[in-house]
Amino acid sequence: MADEQWAIEFYTDEQGNSPVREFLKTLDKKTKARFNWSIEELRIRNITAREPLVKHLEGKIWELRRASSGNIYRLLYFFFVGKRIVFVHGLQKKTQKTPRKEIETAIARMEAYIEGEGGE
């Protein structure tokens, strides 16, 4: 709940790149500020967070939802042992449904992260 301390992590690939951090850098100042607020809200609410802030996509993958300046953005994440929220993918949403390719990217990064951590 709110008194539990959860940590926010960003997936980093083998080359040291963080796709979500790179995605966030491309956003305008107002949208970044909105995402900073949303990420903090998710950290506080963690597994109790619900729509409209977050939405379950499939399996362990969830999306943090944000609209700004007429655009719709999503950060895809999952929960990991040790009270960690791991962001694995960011995108600007242009269709009603999150594209399958975007979900598959998130799943692949989640699996790589879990493997790198020695499993769940």
N, C-alpha and C. Protein backbone atom coordinates (compact mmCIF):
# COMPACT_ATOMS: atom_id res chain seq x y z
N MET A 1 0.82 -1.19 0.00
CA MET A 1 0.00 0.00 0.00
C MET A 1 0.86 1.26 0.00
N ALA A 2 0.30 2.36 0.42
CA ALA A 2 1.01 3.63 0.34
C ALA A 2 2.25 3.68 1.24
N ASP A 3 2.27 2.91 2.34
CA ASP A 3 3.43 2.97 3.23
C ASP A 3 4.57 2.07 2.78
N GLU A 4 4.35 1.23 1.80
CA GLU A 4 5.41 0.36 1.29
C GLU A 4 6.28 1.14 0.32
N GLN A 5 7.58 0.93 0.39
CA GLN A 5 8.51 1.61 -0.50
C GLN A 5 8.79 0.75 -1.73
N TRP A 6 8.36 1.20 -2.86
CA TRP A 6 8.61 0.53 -4.12
C TRP A 6 9.68 1.31 -4.87
N ALA A 7 10.48 0.60 -5.66
CA ALA A 7 11.54 1.24 -6.44
C ALA A 7 11.16 1.26 -7.91
N ILE A 8 11.56 2.31 -8.60
CA ILE A 8 11.35 2.44 -10.04
C ILE A 8 12.67 2.09 -10.72
N GLU A 9 12.62 1.22 -11.72
CA GLU A 9 13.80 0.88 -12.50
C GLU A 9 13.48 1.00 -13.98
N PHE A 10 14.51 1.26 -14.76
CA PHE A 10 14.38 1.34 -16.21
C PHE A 10 15.24 0.25 -16.82
N TYR A 11 14.65 -0.55 -17.68
CA TYR A 11 15.38 -1.61 -18.37
C TYR A 11 16.57 -1.01 -19.12
N THR A 12 17.71 -1.69 -19.02
CA THR A 12 18.92 -1.30 -19.75
C THR A 12 19.41 -2.52 -20.52
N ASP A 13 19.68 -2.34 -21.81
CA ASP A 13 20.13 -3.47 -22.62
C ASP A 13 21.62 -3.76 -22.40
N GLU A 14 22.12 -4.77 -23.10
CA GLU A 14 23.51 -5.20 -22.93
C GLU A 14 24.52 -4.12 -23.31
N GLN A 15 24.12 -3.19 -24.17
CA GLN A 15 25.00 -2.10 -24.59
C GLN A 15 24.93 -0.90 -23.63
N GLY A 16 24.10 -1.01 -22.62
CA GLY A 16 23.96 0.08 -21.66
C GLY A 16 22.91 1.12 -22.04
N ASN A 17 22.13 0.84 -23.07
CA ASN A 17 21.07 1.77 -23.50
C ASN A 17 19.80 1.53 -22.70
N SER A 18 19.11 2.60 -22.36
CA SER A 18 17.84 2.51 -21.66
C SER A 18 16.75 3.06 -22.59
N PRO A 19 16.06 2.17 -23.30
CA PRO A 19 15.05 2.63 -24.28
C PRO A 19 13.97 3.55 -23.70
N VAL A 20 13.55 3.31 -22.48
CA VAL A 20 12.50 4.15 -21.89
C VAL A 20 13.05 5.53 -21.56
N ARG A 21 14.25 5.60 -21.00
CA ARG A 21 14.86 6.91 -20.72
C ARG A 21 15.06 7.69 -22.03
N GLU A 22 15.49 6.99 -23.08
CA GLU A 22 15.67 7.63 -24.39
C GLU A 22 14.34 8.15 -24.91
N PHE A 23 13.28 7.35 -24.77
CA PHE A 23 11.95 7.78 -25.20
C PHE A 23 11.51 9.03 -24.43
N LEU A 24 11.70 9.02 -23.12
CA LEU A 24 11.30 10.16 -22.30
C LEU A 24 12.04 11.43 -22.70
N LYS A 25 13.30 11.31 -23.12
CA LYS A 25 14.08 12.47 -23.54
C LYS A 25 13.50 13.13 -24.79
N THR A 26 12.75 12.38 -25.60
CA THR A 26 12.19 12.93 -26.83
C THR A 26 10.92 13.75 -26.59
N LEU A 27 10.37 13.67 -25.39
CA LEU A 27 9.10 14.33 -25.10
C LEU A 27 9.31 15.79 -24.71
N ASP A 28 8.28 16.59 -24.95
CA ASP A 28 8.35 18.00 -24.56
C ASP A 28 8.31 18.11 -23.03
N LYS A 29 8.69 19.28 -22.54
CA LYS A 29 8.82 19.53 -21.10
C LYS A 29 7.53 19.22 -20.33
N LYS A 30 6.40 19.65 -20.88
CA LYS A 30 5.10 19.45 -20.22
C LYS A 30 4.78 17.96 -20.10
N THR A 31 5.02 17.22 -21.17
CA THR A 31 4.72 15.78 -21.16
C THR A 31 5.65 15.05 -20.21
N LYS A 32 6.93 15.43 -20.18
CA LYS A 32 7.88 14.82 -19.23
C LYS A 32 7.42 15.05 -17.80
N ALA A 33 6.98 16.27 -17.51
CA ALA A 33 6.52 16.59 -16.16
C ALA A 33 5.30 15.74 -15.80
N ARG A 34 4.40 15.56 -16.75
CA ARG A 34 3.22 14.72 -16.50
C ARG A 34 3.63 13.28 -16.24
N PHE A 35 4.60 12.77 -17.02
CA PHE A 35 5.07 11.40 -16.79
C PHE A 35 5.78 11.29 -15.44
N ASN A 36 6.55 12.29 -15.06
CA ASN A 36 7.21 12.24 -13.75
C ASN A 36 6.18 12.11 -12.64
N TRP A 37 5.08 12.88 -12.75
CA TRP A 37 4.00 12.79 -11.77
C TRP A 37 3.38 11.39 -11.80
N SER A 38 3.10 10.87 -13.00
CA SER A 38 2.46 9.56 -13.13
C SER A 38 3.34 8.44 -12.59
N ILE A 39 4.64 8.52 -12.87
CA ILE A 39 5.57 7.49 -12.37
C ILE A 39 5.59 7.51 -10.84
N GLU A 40 5.59 8.69 -10.26
CA GLU A 40 5.57 8.79 -8.79
C GLU A 40 4.25 8.25 -8.23
N GLU A 41 3.14 8.57 -8.88
CA GLU A 41 1.85 8.02 -8.45
C GLU A 41 1.86 6.48 -8.51
N LEU A 42 2.43 5.93 -9.57
CA LEU A 42 2.52 4.48 -9.69
C LEU A 42 3.41 3.92 -8.60
N ARG A 43 4.53 4.59 -8.32
CA ARG A 43 5.42 4.10 -7.26
C ARG A 43 4.69 4.05 -5.92
N ILE A 44 3.88 5.06 -5.65
CA ILE A 44 3.13 5.11 -4.39
C ILE A 44 2.00 4.08 -4.37
N ARG A 45 1.24 4.01 -5.46
CA ARG A 45 0.08 3.09 -5.51
C ARG A 45 0.47 1.66 -5.86
N ASN A 46 1.56 1.50 -6.62
CA ASN A 46 2.09 0.21 -7.07
C ASN A 46 1.00 -0.76 -7.51
N ILE A 47 0.88 -1.92 -6.87
CA ILE A 47 -0.06 -2.93 -7.34
C ILE A 47 -1.52 -2.55 -7.15
N THR A 48 -1.79 -1.48 -6.40
CA THR A 48 -3.18 -1.06 -6.20
C THR A 48 -3.63 -0.05 -7.26
N ALA A 49 -2.72 0.42 -8.10
CA ALA A 49 -3.07 1.41 -9.14
C ALA A 49 -4.06 0.81 -10.14
N ARG A 50 -4.98 1.62 -10.58
CA ARG A 50 -6.00 1.18 -11.55
C ARG A 50 -6.21 2.26 -12.60
N GLU A 51 -7.12 1.97 -13.55
CA GLU A 51 -7.47 2.94 -14.59
C GLU A 51 -8.04 4.19 -13.93
N PRO A 52 -7.78 5.35 -14.45
CA PRO A 52 -7.18 5.64 -15.75
C PRO A 52 -5.65 5.74 -15.74
N LEU A 53 -5.02 5.65 -14.55
CA LEU A 53 -3.56 5.78 -14.47
C LEU A 53 -2.85 4.64 -15.20
N VAL A 54 -3.31 3.42 -14.95
CA VAL A 54 -2.67 2.25 -15.55
C VAL A 54 -3.72 1.32 -16.13
N LYS A 55 -3.24 0.39 -16.97
CA LYS A 55 -4.13 -0.63 -17.53
C LYS A 55 -3.32 -1.89 -17.77
N HIS A 56 -3.91 -3.02 -17.41
CA HIS A 56 -3.25 -4.31 -17.66
C HIS A 56 -3.37 -4.64 -19.14
N LEU A 57 -2.25 -5.04 -19.76
CA LEU A 57 -2.28 -5.40 -21.18
C LEU A 57 -2.37 -6.91 -21.35
N GLU A 58 -1.35 -7.62 -20.88
CA GLU A 58 -1.39 -9.08 -20.92
C GLU A 58 -0.26 -9.65 -20.09
N GLY A 59 -0.47 -10.85 -19.57
CA GLY A 59 0.56 -11.48 -18.76
C GLY A 59 0.98 -10.55 -17.63
N LYS A 60 2.27 -10.29 -17.55
CA LYS A 60 2.81 -9.41 -16.51
C LYS A 60 2.95 -7.96 -16.98
N ILE A 61 2.60 -7.69 -18.23
CA ILE A 61 2.81 -6.36 -18.80
C ILE A 61 1.61 -5.44 -18.53
N TRP A 62 1.92 -4.25 -18.02
CA TRP A 62 0.96 -3.19 -17.75
C TRP A 62 1.39 -1.95 -18.51
N GLU A 63 0.49 -0.98 -18.66
CA GLU A 63 0.86 0.28 -19.27
C GLU A 63 0.50 1.43 -18.34
N LEU A 64 1.45 2.38 -18.24
CA LEU A 64 1.21 3.64 -17.55
C LEU A 64 0.71 4.59 -18.63
N ARG A 65 -0.45 5.17 -18.42
CA ARG A 65 -1.14 5.94 -19.45
C ARG A 65 -0.98 7.43 -19.23
N ARG A 66 -0.75 8.15 -20.32
CA ARG A 66 -0.58 9.60 -20.22
C ARG A 66 -1.02 10.24 -21.52
N ALA A 67 -1.78 11.31 -21.41
CA ALA A 67 -2.15 12.10 -22.58
C ALA A 67 -1.57 13.49 -22.37
N SER A 68 -1.10 14.09 -23.46
CA SER A 68 -0.53 15.42 -23.36
C SER A 68 -0.53 16.08 -24.73
N SER A 69 -0.96 17.31 -24.78
CA SER A 69 -0.98 18.10 -26.02
C SER A 69 -1.61 17.35 -27.19
N GLY A 70 -2.71 16.67 -26.92
CA GLY A 70 -3.44 15.97 -27.97
C GLY A 70 -2.83 14.64 -28.38
N ASN A 71 -1.75 14.22 -27.74
CA ASN A 71 -1.12 12.93 -28.04
C ASN A 71 -1.33 11.97 -26.88
N ILE A 72 -1.24 10.69 -27.20
CA ILE A 72 -1.40 9.64 -26.20
C ILE A 72 -0.08 8.88 -26.10
N TYR A 73 0.42 8.75 -24.87
CA TYR A 73 1.69 8.07 -24.64
C TYR A 73 1.50 6.94 -23.65
N ARG A 74 2.37 5.94 -23.78
CA ARG A 74 2.34 4.81 -22.87
C ARG A 74 3.76 4.42 -22.48
N LEU A 75 3.92 4.04 -21.21
CA LEU A 75 5.15 3.39 -20.75
C LEU A 75 4.73 2.01 -20.29
N LEU A 76 5.35 0.98 -20.87
CA LEU A 76 5.01 -0.39 -20.51
C LEU A 76 5.96 -0.87 -19.42
N TYR A 77 5.41 -1.59 -18.46
CA TYR A 77 6.19 -2.01 -17.29
C TYR A 77 5.68 -3.33 -16.74
N PHE A 78 6.43 -3.85 -15.77
CA PHE A 78 6.00 -5.02 -15.03
C PHE A 78 6.49 -4.90 -13.59
N PHE A 79 5.90 -5.70 -12.71
CA PHE A 79 6.32 -5.73 -11.32
C PHE A 79 7.32 -6.86 -11.14
N PHE A 80 8.35 -6.61 -10.33
CA PHE A 80 9.39 -7.62 -10.11
C PHE A 80 9.62 -7.77 -8.61
N VAL A 81 10.14 -8.93 -8.24
CA VAL A 81 10.39 -9.20 -6.82
C VAL A 81 11.21 -8.08 -6.19
N GLY A 82 11.07 -7.92 -4.90
CA GLY A 82 11.77 -6.86 -4.21
C GLY A 82 11.08 -5.52 -4.36
N LYS A 83 9.77 -5.55 -4.64
CA LYS A 83 8.98 -4.33 -4.78
C LYS A 83 9.58 -3.39 -5.82
N ARG A 84 9.82 -3.93 -7.02
CA ARG A 84 10.37 -3.14 -8.11
C ARG A 84 9.34 -3.01 -9.23
N ILE A 85 9.27 -1.81 -9.79
CA ILE A 85 8.46 -1.54 -10.97
C ILE A 85 9.48 -1.27 -12.08
N VAL A 86 9.47 -2.13 -13.10
CA VAL A 86 10.50 -2.03 -14.14
C VAL A 86 9.85 -1.57 -15.44
N PHE A 87 10.27 -0.40 -15.92
CA PHE A 87 9.79 0.13 -17.19
C PHE A 87 10.63 -0.43 -18.31
N VAL A 88 9.96 -1.02 -19.33
CA VAL A 88 10.69 -1.69 -20.40
C VAL A 88 10.48 -1.09 -21.79
N HIS A 89 9.43 -0.27 -21.97
CA HIS A 89 9.16 0.26 -23.31
C HIS A 89 8.31 1.52 -23.23
N GLY A 90 8.56 2.46 -24.13
CA GLY A 90 7.77 3.68 -24.22
C GLY A 90 7.31 3.89 -25.65
N LEU A 91 6.11 4.44 -25.82
CA LEU A 91 5.60 4.66 -27.17
C LEU A 91 4.56 5.76 -27.20
N GLN A 92 4.42 6.35 -28.39
CA GLN A 92 3.30 7.25 -28.65
C GLN A 92 2.25 6.39 -29.31
N LYS A 93 1.07 6.38 -28.74
CA LYS A 93 0.00 5.52 -29.23
C LYS A 93 -0.79 6.25 -30.30
N LYS A 94 -0.96 5.59 -31.44
CA LYS A 94 -1.68 6.22 -32.55
C LYS A 94 -2.89 5.41 -32.98
N THR A 95 -3.11 4.28 -32.32
CA THR A 95 -4.25 3.42 -32.64
C THR A 95 -5.05 3.17 -31.37
N GLN A 96 -6.28 2.69 -31.54
CA GLN A 96 -7.15 2.40 -30.39
C GLN A 96 -6.50 1.38 -29.46
N LYS A 97 -5.98 0.32 -30.05
CA LYS A 97 -5.39 -0.77 -29.30
C LYS A 97 -3.88 -0.65 -29.36
N THR A 98 -3.20 -1.03 -28.25
CA THR A 98 -1.73 -1.02 -28.27
C THR A 98 -1.27 -2.06 -29.28
N PRO A 99 -0.46 -1.66 -30.27
CA PRO A 99 -0.02 -2.60 -31.30
C PRO A 99 0.73 -3.81 -30.73
N ARG A 100 0.46 -4.97 -31.31
CA ARG A 100 1.06 -6.23 -30.87
C ARG A 100 2.59 -6.13 -30.83
N LYS A 101 3.17 -5.49 -31.83
CA LYS A 101 4.62 -5.35 -31.91
C LYS A 101 5.18 -4.65 -30.67
N GLU A 102 4.47 -3.65 -30.18
CA GLU A 102 4.92 -2.90 -29.01
C GLU A 102 4.87 -3.78 -27.76
N ILE A 103 3.83 -4.58 -27.64
CA ILE A 103 3.70 -5.50 -26.50
C ILE A 103 4.80 -6.55 -26.57
N GLU A 104 5.07 -7.07 -27.76
CA GLU A 104 6.12 -8.08 -27.92
C GLU A 104 7.50 -7.52 -27.56
N THR A 105 7.75 -6.26 -27.91
CA THR A 105 9.01 -5.61 -27.52
C THR A 105 9.12 -5.57 -26.00
N ALA A 106 8.03 -5.18 -25.34
CA ALA A 106 8.03 -5.11 -23.88
C ALA A 106 8.26 -6.49 -23.27
N ILE A 107 7.62 -7.51 -23.81
CA ILE A 107 7.78 -8.87 -23.29
C ILE A 107 9.22 -9.34 -23.45
N ALA A 108 9.81 -9.10 -24.61
CA ALA A 108 11.20 -9.52 -24.85
C ALA A 108 12.15 -8.84 -23.87
N ARG A 109 11.94 -7.56 -23.62
CA ARG A 109 12.80 -6.83 -22.68
C ARG A 109 12.56 -7.31 -21.25
N MET A 110 11.31 -7.61 -20.91
CA MET A 110 11.01 -8.13 -19.59
C MET A 110 11.74 -9.46 -19.38
N GLU A 111 11.67 -10.34 -20.38
CA GLU A 111 12.32 -11.65 -20.26
C GLU A 111 13.83 -11.48 -20.13
N ALA A 112 14.41 -10.55 -20.88
CA ALA A 112 15.84 -10.29 -20.79
C ALA A 112 16.20 -9.76 -19.39
N TYR A 113 15.38 -8.90 -18.86
CA TYR A 113 15.62 -8.34 -17.54
C TYR A 113 15.58 -9.45 -16.48
N ILE A 114 14.53 -10.27 -16.54
CA ILE A 114 14.37 -11.36 -15.57
C ILE A 114 15.55 -12.33 -15.66
N GLU A 115 15.95 -12.66 -16.87
CA GLU A 115 17.09 -13.56 -17.05
C GLU A 115 18.36 -12.94 -16.47
N GLY A 116 18.54 -11.66 -16.71
CA GLY A 116 19.71 -10.95 -16.17
C GLY A 116 19.73 -10.87 -14.66
N GLU A 117 18.55 -10.92 -14.07
CA GLU A 117 18.43 -10.88 -12.60
C GLU A 117 18.46 -12.27 -12.00
N GLY A 118 18.58 -13.30 -12.84
CA GLY A 118 18.64 -14.67 -12.32
C GLY A 118 17.29 -15.30 -12.11
N GLY A 119 16.27 -14.80 -12.77
CA GLY A 119 14.93 -15.36 -12.66
C GLY A 119 14.12 -14.68 -11.57
N GLU A 120 12.85 -15.11 -11.46
CA GLU A 120 11.97 -14.48 -10.45
C GLU A 120 11.92 -15.30 -9.21
